[in-house]
Amino acid sequence: MRKSLIGLIAATAVALVGCVTINVYFPEAAAQKAADQFIGNVLDESGVGKPSPAKDAPASPVPGKQPSASLLDLVIPAAQAAEAPDIQVRTPETDAIRARMKARFGGQLKALFDSGAVGFTADGLVAVRDAGALPLDQRSQADGLVKQENNDRDALYRAIAVANGHPEWEPQIRKTFAEGWVQRAPSGWYYRDASGAWKRK
């Protein structure tokens, strides 16, 4: 009898711990908004231009009312979801990264995207797509520029996750930003999808 009671208490404790972890979830909508603001700031202020808003952006059916509940809302009560943190992207480190990215896009990186030599990847980075689109003497410079950009991107996603107290969110933040870069990219720029295939926007 005593062993079964101890077993029941242990099972209940494990179940309660499992329930607590459900309350800390990745705030996807807040992350998308933060990523869009960051990316828009980098691209727009570096002179890349303002692409049209995403066609697939969810709209509220009635002004002042929220869209219908998602599956996540059914799993997590609304009161607990309302306490979920927003994604913070403003720290001294991320501000410095943003400034470097703006400078690169305002300089040579935009030209590399325009020529089709480089494109966005599915993991939120930049990759050389067609080195042949560049003169031979500019290829090593382009490689260096892509490396600098990717170092900053890796640092950015990590810094945002850490600043929000959830280093484990880094892959989700990276994915959200990867989608955002493609959505905000001007027509004609290239991106690589999850299968590894290059596509032109």
Protein backbone atom coordinates (compact mmCIF):
# COMPACT_ATOMS: atom_id res chain seq x y z
CA MET A 1 0.00 0.00 0.00
CA ARG A 2 2.78 2.39 0.97
CA LYS A 3 4.74 1.67 -2.25
CA SER A 4 1.69 2.35 -4.40
CA LEU A 5 1.05 5.62 -2.52
CA ILE A 6 4.66 6.73 -3.07
CA GLY A 7 4.35 5.75 -6.73
CA LEU A 8 1.16 7.77 -7.07
CA ILE A 9 2.78 10.84 -5.47
CA ALA A 10 5.82 10.52 -7.75
CA ALA A 11 3.64 10.18 -10.85
CA THR A 12 1.61 13.24 -9.80
CA ALA A 13 4.79 15.26 -9.27
CA VAL A 14 6.08 14.32 -12.73
CA ALA A 15 2.72 15.27 -14.27
CA LEU A 16 2.75 18.64 -12.52
CA VAL A 17 6.28 19.39 -13.71
CA GLY A 18 5.16 18.50 -17.23
CA CYS A 19 2.25 20.93 -16.96
CA VAL A 20 4.53 23.76 -15.84
CA THR A 21 6.67 23.47 -18.98
CA ILE A 22 3.59 23.97 -21.18
CA ASN A 23 3.17 27.50 -19.78
CA VAL A 24 6.54 28.65 -21.16
CA TYR A 25 6.04 28.60 -24.89
CA PHE A 26 7.61 30.50 -27.75
CA PRO A 27 5.52 33.64 -28.45
CA GLU A 28 5.46 33.26 -32.23
CA ALA A 29 3.29 36.27 -33.06
CA ALA A 30 5.46 38.58 -30.96
CA ALA A 31 8.59 37.13 -32.56
CA GLN A 32 7.21 37.71 -36.07
CA LYS A 33 6.39 41.32 -35.23
CA ALA A 34 9.83 41.93 -33.71
CA ALA A 35 11.59 40.27 -36.66
CA ASP A 36 9.58 42.31 -39.16
CA GLN A 37 10.48 45.55 -37.39
CA PHE A 38 14.18 44.66 -37.20
CA ILE A 39 14.38 43.49 -40.82
CA GLY A 40 12.36 46.45 -42.09
CA ASN A 41 14.66 48.81 -40.23
CA VAL A 42 17.75 47.21 -41.77
CA LEU A 43 16.42 47.03 -45.32
CA ASP A 44 14.42 50.25 -45.50
CA GLU A 45 17.00 52.48 -43.83
CA SER A 46 19.82 51.07 -45.94
CA GLY A 47 18.00 52.09 -49.12
CA VAL A 48 16.86 48.64 -50.24
CA GLY A 49 13.28 49.90 -50.46
CA LYS A 50 9.96 49.05 -48.92
CA PRO A 51 8.38 45.94 -50.39
CA SER A 52 4.65 45.55 -50.32
CA PRO A 53 3.16 43.99 -47.17
CA ALA A 54 2.93 40.21 -47.07
CA LYS A 55 -0.26 38.93 -48.70
CA ASP A 56 -0.60 36.12 -46.20
CA ALA A 57 -0.56 38.35 -43.12
CA PRO A 58 -3.54 37.45 -40.93
CA ALA A 59 -6.05 40.26 -40.59
CA SER A 60 -8.56 40.76 -37.82
CA PRO A 61 -12.05 40.19 -39.29
CA VAL A 62 -13.64 42.96 -37.19
CA PRO A 63 -11.79 46.14 -36.18
CA GLY A 64 -10.84 46.01 -32.53
CA LYS A 65 -11.42 42.25 -32.25
CA GLN A 66 -8.80 39.55 -32.17
CA PRO A 67 -8.73 36.73 -34.76
CA SER A 68 -10.29 33.42 -33.76
CA ALA A 69 -8.52 31.15 -31.30
CA SER A 70 -5.73 28.96 -32.56
CA LEU A 71 -4.95 25.39 -31.54
CA LEU A 72 -2.35 26.78 -29.14
CA ASP A 73 -5.06 28.80 -27.38
CA LEU A 74 -6.99 25.58 -26.80
CA VAL A 75 -3.96 23.94 -25.18
CA ILE A 76 -2.90 26.97 -23.12
CA PRO A 77 -5.63 28.93 -21.35
CA ALA A 78 -5.97 32.54 -22.52
CA ALA A 79 -5.10 33.92 -19.08
CA GLN A 80 -1.76 32.10 -19.09
CA ALA A 81 -1.05 32.99 -22.74
CA ALA A 82 -1.66 36.66 -21.95
CA GLU A 83 1.23 36.50 -19.49
CA ALA A 84 3.61 35.27 -22.21
CA PRO A 85 6.58 37.60 -22.72
CA ASP A 86 7.04 39.79 -25.76
CA ILE A 87 10.21 39.29 -27.76
CA GLN A 88 12.78 41.95 -26.97
CA VAL A 89 15.29 42.72 -29.73
CA ARG A 90 16.80 45.98 -28.46
CA THR A 91 20.05 45.52 -26.57
CA PRO A 92 23.39 47.25 -27.04
CA GLU A 93 24.64 44.11 -28.82
CA THR A 94 21.69 43.86 -31.22
CA ASP A 95 21.81 47.62 -31.91
CA ALA A 96 25.47 47.29 -32.91
CA ILE A 97 24.63 44.32 -35.15
CA ARG A 98 21.78 46.25 -36.74
CA ALA A 99 24.11 49.16 -37.54
CA ARG A 100 26.65 46.84 -39.20
CA MET A 101 23.94 45.10 -41.22
CA LYS A 102 22.55 48.44 -42.41
CA ALA A 103 26.02 49.50 -43.52
CA ARG A 104 26.54 46.27 -45.47
CA PHE A 105 23.12 46.40 -47.14
CA GLY A 106 23.61 50.08 -47.92
CA GLY A 107 26.96 49.22 -49.44
CA GLN A 108 28.01 46.11 -51.34
CA LEU A 109 25.59 43.49 -50.04
CA LYS A 110 22.59 44.98 -51.84
CA ALA A 111 24.52 44.84 -55.14
CA LEU A 112 25.30 41.16 -54.52
CA PHE A 113 21.61 40.40 -53.95
CA ASP A 114 20.58 42.50 -56.98
CA SER A 115 23.00 40.58 -59.22
CA GLY A 116 21.77 37.20 -57.95
CA ALA A 117 25.23 36.29 -56.70
CA VAL A 118 23.94 35.76 -53.15
CA GLY A 119 20.63 34.85 -51.56
CA PHE A 120 18.96 34.12 -48.26
CA THR A 121 19.02 30.62 -46.79
CA ALA A 122 16.30 28.72 -44.93
CA ASP A 123 18.28 29.01 -41.68
CA GLY A 124 18.37 32.82 -41.64
CA LEU A 125 21.80 33.25 -43.18
CA VAL A 126 23.17 34.47 -46.53
CA ALA A 127 24.98 32.25 -49.03
CA VAL A 128 26.80 32.69 -52.31
CA ARG A 129 24.39 31.39 -54.94
CA ASP A 130 26.26 32.12 -58.18
CA ALA A 131 29.90 33.15 -57.91
CA GLY A 132 29.97 33.27 -61.72
CA ALA A 133 27.79 36.39 -61.57
CA LEU A 134 30.79 38.24 -60.15
CA PRO A 135 34.08 39.23 -61.76
CA LEU A 136 36.90 36.95 -60.61
CA ASP A 137 38.64 39.72 -58.65
CA GLN A 138 35.47 40.42 -56.59
CA ARG A 139 34.71 36.86 -55.48
CA SER A 140 36.95 36.72 -52.42
CA GLN A 141 35.63 40.11 -51.30
CA ALA A 142 32.06 38.80 -51.67
CA ASP A 143 32.95 35.69 -49.66
CA GLY A 144 34.34 37.89 -46.88
CA LEU A 145 31.23 40.06 -46.88
CA VAL A 146 28.95 37.02 -46.65
CA LYS A 147 31.04 35.64 -43.79
CA GLN A 148 30.79 38.94 -41.86
CA GLU A 149 27.03 39.06 -42.43
CA ASN A 150 26.56 35.46 -41.26
CA ASN A 151 28.67 36.03 -38.15
CA ASP A 152 26.39 38.94 -37.24
CA ARG A 153 23.25 36.94 -38.03
CA ASP A 154 24.34 34.05 -35.81
CA ALA A 155 25.19 36.50 -33.03
CA LEU A 156 21.85 38.30 -33.48
CA TYR A 157 19.66 35.21 -33.12
CA ARG A 158 21.65 34.03 -30.12
CA ALA A 159 21.58 37.49 -28.48
CA ILE A 160 17.81 37.82 -28.87
CA ALA A 161 17.23 34.40 -27.32
CA VAL A 162 19.53 35.18 -24.39
CA ALA A 163 18.08 38.68 -23.89
CA ASN A 164 14.65 37.11 -23.51
CA GLY A 165 15.88 34.61 -20.94
CA HIS A 166 15.33 31.60 -23.21
CA PRO A 167 18.51 30.50 -25.01
CA GLU A 168 16.57 27.43 -26.17
CA TRP A 169 14.43 29.71 -28.38
CA GLU A 170 17.36 30.42 -30.72
CA PRO A 171 16.26 27.90 -33.44
CA GLN A 172 12.72 29.31 -33.44
CA ILE A 173 13.98 32.89 -33.56
CA ARG A 174 16.29 31.93 -36.43
CA LYS A 175 13.38 30.33 -38.33
CA THR A 176 11.15 33.37 -37.76
CA PHE A 177 13.85 35.73 -39.02
CA ALA A 178 14.62 33.48 -41.99
CA GLU A 179 11.00 33.71 -43.12
CA GLY A 180 10.97 37.46 -42.47
CA TRP A 181 14.04 38.15 -44.61
CA VAL A 182 12.43 36.40 -47.56
CA GLN A 183 9.07 38.13 -47.08
CA ARG A 184 10.66 41.59 -46.92
CA ALA A 185 13.11 40.98 -49.78
CA PRO A 186 12.53 42.91 -53.01
CA SER A 187 11.33 41.08 -56.12
CA GLY A 188 14.16 39.45 -58.02
CA TRP A 189 16.22 38.48 -54.99
CA TYR A 190 17.01 34.80 -54.44
CA TYR A 191 16.35 32.57 -51.47
CA ARG A 192 17.00 28.91 -50.74
CA ASP A 193 14.07 26.90 -49.42
CA ALA A 194 14.17 24.10 -46.82
CA SER A 195 14.89 21.51 -49.53
CA GLY A 196 17.99 23.44 -50.62
CA ALA A 197 16.56 24.66 -53.94
CA TRP A 198 17.22 28.25 -54.98
CA LYS A 199 14.13 30.28 -55.93
CA ARG A 200 13.71 33.79 -57.22
CA LYS A 201 11.20 36.03 -55.50
